[in-house]
Protein backbone atom coordinates (compact mmCIF):
# COMPACT_ATOMS: atom_id res chain seq x y z
CA UNK A 1 119.13 87.93 115.69
CA UNK A 2 120.28 91.11 117.35
CA UNK A 3 117.55 93.57 118.27
CA UNK A 4 118.07 97.18 116.94
CA UNK A 5 117.06 99.96 119.30
CA UNK A 6 117.72 103.60 118.78
CA UNK A 7 117.31 105.94 121.73
CA UNK A 8 116.02 109.33 120.98
CA UNK A 9 115.90 111.06 124.39
CA UNK A 10 112.91 108.72 125.30
CA UNK A 11 110.44 111.00 123.58
CA UNK A 12 108.91 108.50 121.17
CA UNK A 13 105.62 108.44 123.14
CA UNK A 14 105.31 112.18 122.60
CA UNK A 15 106.06 111.81 118.89
CA UNK A 16 103.38 109.08 118.62
CA UNK A 17 100.78 111.05 120.54
CA UNK A 18 101.27 114.30 118.60
CA UNK A 19 101.50 112.42 115.25
CA UNK A 20 98.24 110.65 115.85
CA UNK A 21 96.53 113.95 116.64
CA UNK A 22 97.86 115.42 113.43
CA UNK A 23 96.78 112.40 111.36
CA UNK A 24 93.27 112.75 112.79
CA UNK A 25 93.14 116.43 111.94
CA UNK A 26 91.91 116.71 108.35
CA UNK A 27 93.64 120.08 107.72
CA UNK A 28 97.07 118.31 107.59
CA UNK A 29 96.36 116.24 104.40
CA UNK A 30 99.50 117.49 102.70
CA UNK A 31 101.69 116.10 105.44
CA UNK A 32 99.81 112.97 106.50
CA UNK A 33 102.13 110.63 104.55
CA UNK A 34 105.26 111.99 106.23
CA UNK A 35 103.56 111.98 109.69
CA UNK A 36 102.69 108.29 109.22
CA UNK A 37 106.38 107.60 108.46
CA UNK A 38 107.54 109.44 111.56
CA UNK A 39 104.83 107.80 113.75
CA UNK A 40 105.63 104.34 112.23
CA UNK A 41 109.32 104.68 112.92
CA UNK A 42 108.59 105.90 116.55
CA UNK A 43 106.38 102.84 117.07
CA UNK A 44 109.24 100.64 115.84
CA UNK A 45 111.56 102.16 118.36
CA UNK A 46 109.00 101.55 121.04
CA UNK A 47 108.94 97.83 119.85
CA UNK A 48 105.25 98.10 118.84
CA UNK A 49 105.56 96.25 115.54
CA UNK A 50 101.85 96.08 114.61
CA UNK A 51 101.42 99.87 114.83
CA UNK A 52 104.73 100.39 113.12
CA UNK A 53 103.73 98.29 110.23
CA UNK A 54 100.28 99.99 109.99
CA UNK A 55 101.70 103.50 109.76
CA UNK A 56 104.63 102.63 107.56
CA UNK A 57 102.32 100.83 105.10
CA UNK A 58 100.23 103.95 104.94
CA UNK A 59 103.39 106.00 104.20
CA UNK A 60 104.57 103.61 101.52
CA UNK A 61 101.23 103.54 99.73
CA UNK A 62 101.60 107.23 98.92
CA UNK A 63 105.40 107.20 98.35
CA UNK A 64 105.82 104.07 96.23
CA UNK A 65 108.23 105.76 93.68
CA UNK A 66 110.65 107.21 96.20
CA UNK A 67 110.19 106.29 99.90
CA UNK A 68 112.76 107.34 102.50
CA UNK A 69 115.47 104.80 103.12
CA UNK A 70 114.74 104.75 106.85
CA UNK A 71 111.13 103.57 106.16
CA UNK A 72 112.45 100.90 103.81
CA UNK A 73 114.98 99.65 106.37
CA UNK A 74 112.48 99.46 109.17
CA UNK A 75 109.96 97.61 107.02
CA UNK A 76 112.74 95.29 105.91
CA UNK A 77 113.49 94.38 109.58
CA UNK A 78 109.80 94.00 110.37
CA UNK A 79 109.16 91.80 107.40
CA UNK A 80 112.23 89.68 108.28
CA UNK A 81 110.88 88.98 111.76
């Protein structure tokens, strides 16, 4: 199976670091779901599947009715592996 890797200026580590800080900050409750999606997709691009699944599952729990296609795509790949 071909590995999918998207390059985003190599800034995924920064996205993950800042996202984790925002998730831990209780004042961002309105955005935590979306932040989990972004962090999960960044972990996927960094090939950290366990953390990608963890954050994407948190996102999907709160967006069951209409999750973003990118999150569904990444979870599909991770579940296939």
